[in-house]
PDB file of N, CA and C in Angstrom:
ATOM      1  N   MET A   1      -7.725  18.946  -4.580  1.00  0.00           N
ATOM      2  CA  MET A   1      -7.007  17.978  -5.229  1.00  0.00           C
ATOM      3  C   MET A   1      -6.204  17.184  -4.255  1.00  0.00           C
ATOM      4  N   GLN A   2      -6.326  15.773  -4.329  1.00  0.00           N
ATOM      5  CA  GLN A   2      -5.792  14.903  -3.235  1.00  0.00           C
ATOM      6  C   GLN A   2      -4.486  14.641  -3.319  1.00  0.00           C
ATOM      7  N   PRO A   3      -3.606  14.549  -2.072  1.00  0.00           N
ATOM      8  CA  PRO A   3      -2.170  14.315  -2.341  1.00  0.00           C
ATOM      9  C   PRO A   3      -2.049  12.999  -3.033  1.00  0.00           C
ATOM     10  N   ALA A   4      -0.892  12.837  -3.594  1.00  0.00           N
ATOM     11  CA  ALA A   4      -0.393  11.743  -4.029  1.00  0.00           C
ATOM     12  C   ALA A   4      -0.378  10.354  -3.152  1.00  0.00           C
ATOM     13  N   THR A   5      -0.810   9.385  -3.500  1.00  0.00           N
ATOM     14  CA  THR A   5      -0.680   7.938  -2.406  1.00  0.00           C
ATOM     15  C   THR A   5       0.740   7.988  -2.410  1.00  0.00           C
ATOM     16  N   PRO A   6       1.427   7.646  -1.127  1.00  0.00           N
ATOM     17  CA  PRO A   6       2.652   7.371  -0.752  1.00  0.00           C
ATOM     18  C   PRO A   6       2.955   5.785  -1.358  1.00  0.00           C
ATOM     19  N   PRO A   7       4.148   5.648  -1.750  1.00  0.00           N
ATOM     20  CA  PRO A   7       4.641   4.475  -2.452  1.00  0.00           C
ATOM     21  C   PRO A   7       4.353   3.112  -1.586  1.00  0.00           C
ATOM     22  N   TRP A   8       4.573   3.159   0.003  1.00  0.00           N
ATOM     23  CA  TRP A   8       4.330   2.104   0.744  1.00  0.00           C
ATOM     24  C   TRP A   8       2.957   1.644   0.738  1.00  0.00           C
ATOM     25  N   ILE A   9       1.918   2.822   0.501  1.00  0.00           N
ATOM     26  CA  ILE A   9       0.421   2.401   0.437  1.00  0.00           C
ATOM     27  C   ILE A   9       0.365   1.667  -0.747  1.00  0.00           C
ATOM     28  N   GLU A  10       1.021   2.064  -1.952  1.00  0.00           N
ATOM     29  CA  GLU A  10       0.867   1.484  -3.317  1.00  0.00           C
ATOM     30  C   GLU A  10       1.227  -0.071  -3.368  1.00  0.00           C
ATOM     31  N   GLN A  11       2.462  -0.193  -2.431  1.00  0.00           N
ATOM     32  CA  GLN A  11       2.788  -1.649  -2.498  1.00  0.00           C
ATOM     33  C   GLN A  11       2.190  -2.435  -1.388  1.00  0.00           C
ATOM     34  N   ALA A  12       1.506  -1.858  -0.563  1.00  0.00           N
ATOM     35  CA  ALA A  12       0.779  -2.741   0.252  1.00  0.00           C
ATOM     36  C   ALA A  12      -0.521  -3.267  -0.332  1.00  0.00           C
ATOM     37  N   ARG A  13      -1.248  -2.322  -1.421  1.00  0.00           N
ATOM     38  CA  ARG A  13      -2.447  -2.596  -2.100  1.00  0.00           C
ATOM     39  C   ARG A  13      -1.967  -3.858  -2.880  1.00  0.00           C
ATOM     40  N   ILE A  14      -0.839  -4.010  -3.525  1.00  0.00           N
ATOM     41  CA  ILE A  14      -0.220  -4.935  -4.468  1.00  0.00           C
ATOM     42  C   ILE A  14      -0.104  -6.393  -3.703  1.00  0.00           C
ATOM     43  N   GLU A  15       0.511  -6.005  -2.609  1.00  0.00           N
ATOM     44  CA  GLU A  15       0.765  -7.359  -1.880  1.00  0.00           C
ATOM     45  C   GLU A  15      -0.797  -7.926  -1.302  1.00  0.00           C
ATOM     46  N   LEU A  16      -1.386  -6.938  -0.789  1.00  0.00           N
ATOM     47  CA  LEU A  16      -2.996  -7.605  -0.638  1.00  0.00           C
ATOM     48  C   LEU A  16      -3.469  -8.288  -1.583  1.00  0.00           C
ATOM     49  N   GLY A  17      -3.569  -7.526  -2.799  1.00  0.00           N
ATOM     50  CA  GLY A  17      -4.097  -8.246  -4.175  1.00  0.00           C
ATOM     51  C   GLY A  17      -3.447  -9.394  -4.244  1.00  0.00           C
ATOM     52  N   ASN A  18      -2.162  -9.619  -4.284  1.00  0.00           N
ATOM     53  CA  ASN A  18      -1.370 -10.629  -4.484  1.00  0.00           C
ATOM     54  C   ASN A  18      -1.816 -11.950  -3.370  1.00  0.00           C
ATOM     55  N   ARG A  19      -1.838 -11.622  -2.415  1.00  0.00           N
ATOM     56  CA  ARG A  19      -2.287 -12.591  -1.384  1.00  0.00           C
ATOM     57  C   ARG A  19      -3.913 -13.214  -1.516  1.00  0.00           C
ATOM     58  N   ILE A  20      -4.561 -12.234  -1.915  1.00  0.00           N
ATOM     59  CA  ILE A  20      -5.971 -12.603  -2.177  1.00  0.00           C
ATOM     60  C   ILE A  20      -5.762 -13.682  -3.336  1.00  0.00           C
ATOM     61  N   ARG A  21      -5.173 -13.233  -4.405  1.00  0.00           N
ATOM     62  CA  ARG A  21      -5.308 -14.072  -5.620  1.00  0.00           C
ATOM     63  C   ARG A  21      -4.494 -15.292  -5.470  1.00  0.00           C
ATOM     64  N   ASP A  22      -3.410 -15.401  -4.486  1.00  0.00           N
ATOM     65  CA  ASP A  22      -2.813 -16.445  -4.128  1.00  0.00           C
ATOM     66  C   ASP A  22      -3.667 -17.508  -3.315  1.00  0.00           C
ATOM     67  N   ALA A  23      -4.280 -16.958  -2.489  1.00  0.00           N
ATOM     68  CA  ALA A  23      -5.347 -17.638  -1.591  1.00  0.00           C
ATOM     69  C   ALA A  23      -6.794 -18.396  -2.504  1.00  0.00           C
ATOM     70  N   ARG A  24      -7.119 -17.594  -3.544  1.00  0.00           N
ATOM     71  CA  ARG A  24      -8.252 -18.074  -4.278  1.00  0.00           C
ATOM     72  C   ARG A  24      -7.694 -19.158  -5.197  1.00  0.00           C
ATOM     73  N   LEU A  25      -6.622 -18.861  -5.782  1.00  0.00           N
ATOM     74  CA  LEU A  25      -5.854 -20.017  -6.533  1.00  0.00           C
ATOM     75  C   LEU A  25      -5.746 -21.246  -5.654  1.00  0.00           C
ATOM     76  N   HIS A  26      -5.250 -21.141  -4.669  1.00  0.00           N
ATOM     77  CA  HIS A  26      -4.825 -22.382  -3.701  1.00  0.00           C
ATOM     78  C   HIS A  26      -6.259 -23.098  -3.412  1.00  0.00           C
ATOM     79  N   ALA A  27      -7.299 -22.204  -3.258  1.00  0.00           N
ATOM     80  CA  ALA A  27      -8.648 -22.846  -3.054  1.00  0.00           C
ATOM     81  C   ALA A  27      -9.228 -23.465  -4.415  1.00  0.00           C
ATOM     82  N   ASP A  28      -8.786 -23.019  -5.501  1.00  0.00           N
ATOM     83  CA  ASP A  28      -8.987 -23.589  -6.923  1.00  0.00           C
ATOM     84  C   ASP A  28     -10.536 -22.777  -7.235  1.00  0.00           C
ATOM     85  N   LEU A  29     -10.463 -21.398  -6.875  1.00  0.00           N
ATOM     86  CA  LEU A  29     -11.602 -20.824  -7.369  1.00  0.00           C
ATOM     87  C   LEU A  29     -11.269 -19.817  -8.401  1.00  0.00           C
ATOM     88  N   THR A  30     -12.465 -19.228  -9.271  1.00  0.00           N
ATOM     89  CA  THR A  30     -12.152 -18.580 -10.041  1.00  0.00           C
ATOM     90  C   THR A  30     -12.796 -17.048  -9.468  1.00  0.00           C
ATOM     91  N   GLN A  31     -12.317 -15.922 -10.134  1.00  0.00           N
ATOM     92  CA  GLN A  31     -12.634 -14.836  -9.428  1.00  0.00           C
ATOM     93  C   GLN A  31     -14.241 -14.691  -9.323  1.00  0.00           C
ATOM     94  N   GLU A  32     -14.657 -15.212 -10.670  1.00  0.00           N
ATOM     95  CA  GLU A  32     -16.182 -15.173 -10.406  1.00  0.00           C
ATOM     96  C   GLU A  32     -16.971 -15.856  -9.167  1.00  0.00           C
ATOM     97  N   LYS A  33     -16.462 -17.051  -8.944  1.00  0.00           N
ATOM     98  CA  LYS A  33     -16.891 -17.794  -7.815  1.00  0.00           C
ATOM     99  C   LYS A  33     -16.666 -17.160  -6.442  1.00  0.00           C
ATOM    100  N   LEU A  34     -15.296 -16.807  -6.220  1.00  0.00           N
ATOM    101  CA  LEU A  34     -15.105 -16.255  -5.269  1.00  0.00           C
ATOM    102  C   LEU A  34     -15.854 -15.014  -4.801  1.00  0.00           C
ATOM    103  N   ALA A  35     -16.134 -13.922  -5.790  1.00  0.00           N
ATOM    104  CA  ALA A  35     -17.136 -12.988  -5.703  1.00  0.00           C
ATOM    105  C   ALA A  35     -18.338 -13.316  -4.994  1.00  0.00           C
ATOM    106  N   GLU A  36     -18.677 -14.325  -6.000  1.00  0.00           N
ATOM    107  CA  GLU A  36     -20.285 -14.807  -5.616  1.00  0.00           C
ATOM    108  C   GLU A  36     -20.231 -15.246  -4.140  1.00  0.00           C
ATOM    109  N   MET A  37     -19.253 -15.981  -3.576  1.00  0.00           N
ATOM    110  CA  MET A  37     -19.348 -16.623  -2.370  1.00  0.00           C
ATOM    111  C   MET A  37     -19.165 -15.127  -1.212  1.00  0.00           C
ATOM    112  N   ALA A  38     -18.554 -14.349  -1.710  1.00  0.00           N
ATOM    113  CA  ALA A  38     -18.043 -13.172  -0.683  1.00  0.00           C
ATOM    114  C   ALA A  38     -19.288 -12.368  -1.045  1.00  0.00           C
ATOM    115  N   GLY A  39     -20.183 -12.295  -1.829  1.00  0.00           N
ATOM    116  CA  GLY A  39     -21.308 -11.392  -1.992  1.00  0.00           C
ATOM    117  C   GLY A  39     -20.908 -10.030  -2.544  1.00  0.00           C
ATOM    118  N   ILE A  40     -19.979 -10.196  -3.542  1.00  0.00           N
ATOM    119  CA  ILE A  40     -19.356  -8.789  -4.179  1.00  0.00           C
ATOM    120  C   ILE A  40     -19.490  -9.153  -5.650  1.00  0.00           C
ATOM    121  N   ASP A  41     -19.060  -7.875  -6.275  1.00  0.00           N
ATOM    122  CA  ASP A  41     -19.130  -7.946  -7.750  1.00  0.00           C
ATOM    123  C   ASP A  41     -17.623  -8.553  -8.222  1.00  0.00           C
ATOM    124  N   ARG A  42     -17.548  -9.273  -9.440  1.00  0.00           N
ATOM    125  CA  ARG A  42     -16.342  -9.758  -9.890  1.00  0.00           C
ATOM    126  C   ARG A  42     -15.412  -8.548 -10.191  1.00  0.00           C
ATOM    127  N   THR A  43     -15.919  -7.458 -10.526  1.00  0.00           N
ATOM    128  CA  THR A  43     -14.937  -6.534 -11.074  1.00  0.00           C
ATOM    129  C   THR A  43     -14.325  -5.694  -9.777  1.00  0.00           C
ATOM    130  N   THR A  44     -15.043  -5.696  -8.777  1.00  0.00           N
ATOM    131  CA  THR A  44     -14.434  -5.630  -7.309  1.00  0.00           C
ATOM    132  C   THR A  44     -13.193  -6.240  -6.968  1.00  0.00           C
ATOM    133  N   LEU A  45     -13.535  -7.467  -7.005  1.00  0.00           N
ATOM    134  CA  LEU A  45     -12.403  -8.535  -6.689  1.00  0.00           C
ATOM    135  C   LEU A  45     -11.177  -8.338  -7.871  1.00  0.00           C
ATOM    136  N   GLN A  46     -11.542  -8.262  -8.799  1.00  0.00           N
ATOM    137  CA  GLN A  46     -10.350  -8.056 -10.010  1.00  0.00           C
ATOM    138  C   GLN A  46      -9.542  -6.857  -9.697  1.00  0.00           C
ATOM    139  N   LYS A  47     -10.301  -5.727  -9.435  1.00  0.00           N
ATOM    140  CA  LYS A  47      -9.536  -4.538  -9.211  1.00  0.00           C
ATOM    141  C   LYS A  47      -8.816  -4.941  -7.725  1.00  0.00           C
ATOM    142  N   THR A  48      -9.287  -5.216  -6.826  1.00  0.00           N
ATOM    143  CA  THR A  48      -8.625  -5.440  -5.381  1.00  0.00           C
ATOM    144  C   THR A  48      -7.378  -6.429  -5.693  1.00  0.00           C
ATOM    145  N   GLU A  49      -7.696  -7.481  -6.468  1.00  0.00           N
ATOM    146  CA  GLU A  49      -6.631  -8.477  -6.889  1.00  0.00           C
ATOM    147  C   GLU A  49      -5.263  -7.627  -7.397  1.00  0.00           C
ATOM    148  N   ALA A  50      -5.704  -6.762  -8.393  1.00  0.00           N
ATOM    149  CA  ALA A  50      -4.783  -6.061  -9.194  1.00  0.00           C
ATOM    150  C   ALA A  50      -4.100  -4.627  -8.424  1.00  0.00           C
ATOM    151  N   GLY A  51      -4.525  -4.729  -7.166  1.00  0.00           N
ATOM    152  CA  GLY A  51      -3.957  -3.478  -6.512  1.00  0.00           C
ATOM    153  C   GLY A  51      -4.385  -2.370  -6.799  1.00  0.00           C
ATOM    154  N   LYS A  52      -5.625  -2.047  -7.511  1.00  0.00           N
ATOM    155  CA  LYS A  52      -6.017  -0.563  -8.091  1.00  0.00           C
ATOM    156  C   LYS A  52      -7.054  -0.061  -7.100  1.00  0.00           C
ATOM    157  N   THR A  53      -7.507  -0.578  -6.156  1.00  0.00           N
ATOM    158  CA  THR A  53      -8.200   0.070  -4.925  1.00  0.00           C
ATOM    159  C   THR A  53      -7.981  -0.131  -3.610  1.00  0.00           C
ATOM    160  N   ASP A  54      -8.455   0.920  -2.845  1.00  0.00           N
ATOM    161  CA  ASP A  54      -8.289   0.743  -1.426  1.00  0.00           C
ATOM    162  C   ASP A  54      -9.526   0.050  -0.857  1.00  0.00           C
ATOM    163  N   PRO A  55      -9.442  -1.062  -0.730  1.00  0.00           N
ATOM    164  CA  PRO A  55     -10.559  -1.888  -0.243  1.00  0.00           C
ATOM    165  C   PRO A  55     -10.921  -1.464   1.347  1.00  0.00           C
ATOM    166  N   LYS A  56     -12.396  -1.356   1.630  1.00  0.00           N
ATOM    167  CA  LYS A  56     -12.837  -1.340   2.772  1.00  0.00           C
ATOM    168  C   LYS A  56     -12.459  -2.537   3.690  1.00  0.00           C
ATOM    169  N   PHE A  57     -12.198  -2.351   4.874  1.00  0.00           N
ATOM    170  CA  PHE A  57     -12.049  -3.619   5.713  1.00  0.00           C
ATOM    171  C   PHE A  57     -13.176  -4.655   5.627  1.00  0.00           C
ATOM    172  N   SER A  58     -14.386  -4.257   5.515  1.00  0.00           N
ATOM    173  CA  SER A  58     -15.546  -5.124   5.285  1.00  0.00           C
ATOM    174  C   SER A  58     -15.324  -5.908   4.068  1.00  0.00           C
ATOM    175  N   LEU A  59     -14.779  -5.424   3.175  1.00  0.00           N
ATOM    176  CA  LEU A  59     -14.397  -6.374   1.906  1.00  0.00           C
ATOM    177  C   LEU A  59     -13.383  -7.294   2.207  1.00  0.00           C
ATOM    178  N   ILE A  60     -12.661  -6.950   2.819  1.00  0.00           N
ATOM    179  CA  ILE A  60     -11.351  -7.893   3.053  1.00  0.00           C
ATOM    180  C   ILE A  60     -11.937  -8.952   4.065  1.00  0.00           C
ATOM    181  N   LEU A  61     -12.914  -8.837   4.889  1.00  0.00           N
ATOM    182  CA  LEU A  61     -13.520  -9.539   6.008  1.00  0.00           C
ATOM    183  C   LEU A  61     -14.412 -10.580   5.094  1.00  0.00           C
ATOM    184  N   ARG A  62     -14.985 -10.159   4.193  1.00  0.00           N
ATOM    185  CA  ARG A  62     -15.973 -10.724   3.373  1.00  0.00           C
ATOM    186  C   ARG A  62     -15.134 -11.917   2.573  1.00  0.00           C
ATOM    187  N   LEU A  63     -13.994 -11.316   1.960  1.00  0.00           N
ATOM    188  CA  LEU A  63     -13.206 -12.471   1.148  1.00  0.00           C
ATOM    189  C   LEU A  63     -12.573 -13.467   2.168  1.00  0.00           C
ATOM    190  N   ALA A  64     -11.836 -13.039   3.308  1.00  0.00           N
ATOM    191  CA  ALA A  64     -11.198 -14.041   3.969  1.00  0.00           C
ATOM    192  C   ALA A  64     -12.281 -15.043   4.746  1.00  0.00           C
ATOM    193  N   ARG A  65     -13.621 -14.550   4.768  1.00  0.00           N
ATOM    194  CA  ARG A  65     -14.658 -15.577   5.367  1.00  0.00           C
ATOM    195  C   ARG A  65     -14.804 -16.453   4.217  1.00  0.00           C
ATOM    196  N   ALA A  66     -14.967 -16.112   3.145  1.00  0.00           N
ATOM    197  CA  ALA A  66     -15.242 -16.907   1.788  1.00  0.00           C
ATOM    198  C   ALA A  66     -13.947 -17.871   1.616  1.00  0.00           C
ATOM    199  N   LEU A  67     -13.006 -17.319   1.864  1.00  0.00           N
ATOM    200  CA  LEU A  67     -11.630 -18.237   1.514  1.00  0.00           C
ATOM    201  C   LEU A  67     -11.368 -19.034   2.939  1.00  0.00           C
ATOM    202  N   ARG A  68     -12.221 -18.804   3.775  1.00  0.00           N
ATOM    203  CA  ARG A  68     -11.962 -19.533   5.294  1.00  0.00           C
ATOM    204  C   ARG A  68     -10.629 -19.402   5.521  1.00  0.00           C
ATOM    205  N   LEU A  69     -10.209 -18.319   5.834  1.00  0.00           N
ATOM    206  CA  LEU A  69      -8.739 -17.796   6.256  1.00  0.00           C
ATOM    207  C   LEU A  69      -9.265 -16.586   7.175  1.00  0.00           C
ATOM    208  N   PRO A  70      -8.186 -16.598   8.328  1.00  0.00           N
ATOM    209  CA  PRO A  70      -8.269 -15.176   9.029  1.00  0.00           C
ATOM    210  C   PRO A  70      -8.031 -14.017   8.264  1.00  0.00           C
ATOM    211  N   ALA A  71      -8.522 -13.112   8.558  1.00  0.00           N
ATOM    212  CA  ALA A  71      -8.204 -11.663   7.712  1.00  0.00           C
ATOM    213  C   ALA A  71      -6.726 -11.322   7.809  1.00  0.00           C
ATOM    214  N   ARG A  72      -6.191 -11.658   8.877  1.00  0.00           N
ATOM    215  CA  ARG A  72      -4.726 -11.394   8.995  1.00  0.00           C
ATOM    216  C   ARG A  72      -3.968 -12.069   7.974  1.00  0.00           C
ATOM    217  N   ASP A  73      -4.337 -13.210   7.470  1.00  0.00           N
ATOM    218  CA  ASP A  73      -3.604 -13.840   6.429  1.00  0.00           C
ATOM    219  C   ASP A  73      -3.391 -12.997   5.193  1.00  0.00           C
ATOM    220  N   LEU A  74      -4.508 -12.179   4.983  1.00  0.00           N
ATOM    221  CA  LEU A  74      -4.357 -11.560   3.783  1.00  0.00           C
ATOM    222  C   LEU A  74      -3.828 -10.136   3.941  1.00  0.00           C
ATOM    223  N   MET A  75      -3.573  -9.772   5.011  1.00  0.00           N
ATOM    224  CA  MET A  75      -3.144  -8.554   5.014  1.00  0.00           C
ATOM    225  C   MET A  75      -1.378  -8.288   4.987  1.00  0.00           C
ATOM    226  N   PRO A  76      -1.013  -7.301   4.249  1.00  0.00           N
ATOM    227  CA  PRO A  76       0.361  -7.196   4.105  1.00  0.00           C
ATOM    228  C   PRO A  76       1.216  -6.937   5.338  1.00  0.00           C
TER     229      PRO A  76
END
C-alpha cells in the first residue's frame, strides 16, 4: 500500500494544471488541439489540467514546447 500523497503535492498538481489550462486558453487552443500539437492523448491533457495525475517531466516539456513557453512558466 502506498502512503497518502502529501497535501502540498496535491496542491502543486492543481496549480500545474491551472497554469497549463490558462496558457492553453491564452493561446486560444482546445484541449484536443494542444494535445495534438504536443503529441499526447487528449485524456492525458484533461487529467493533467484537472490535477489528477503526476505528469512526467517529459510531458511538461512537450506541453511547454507546444505552448511556446519555458517549462518553468508552467511549474508551480
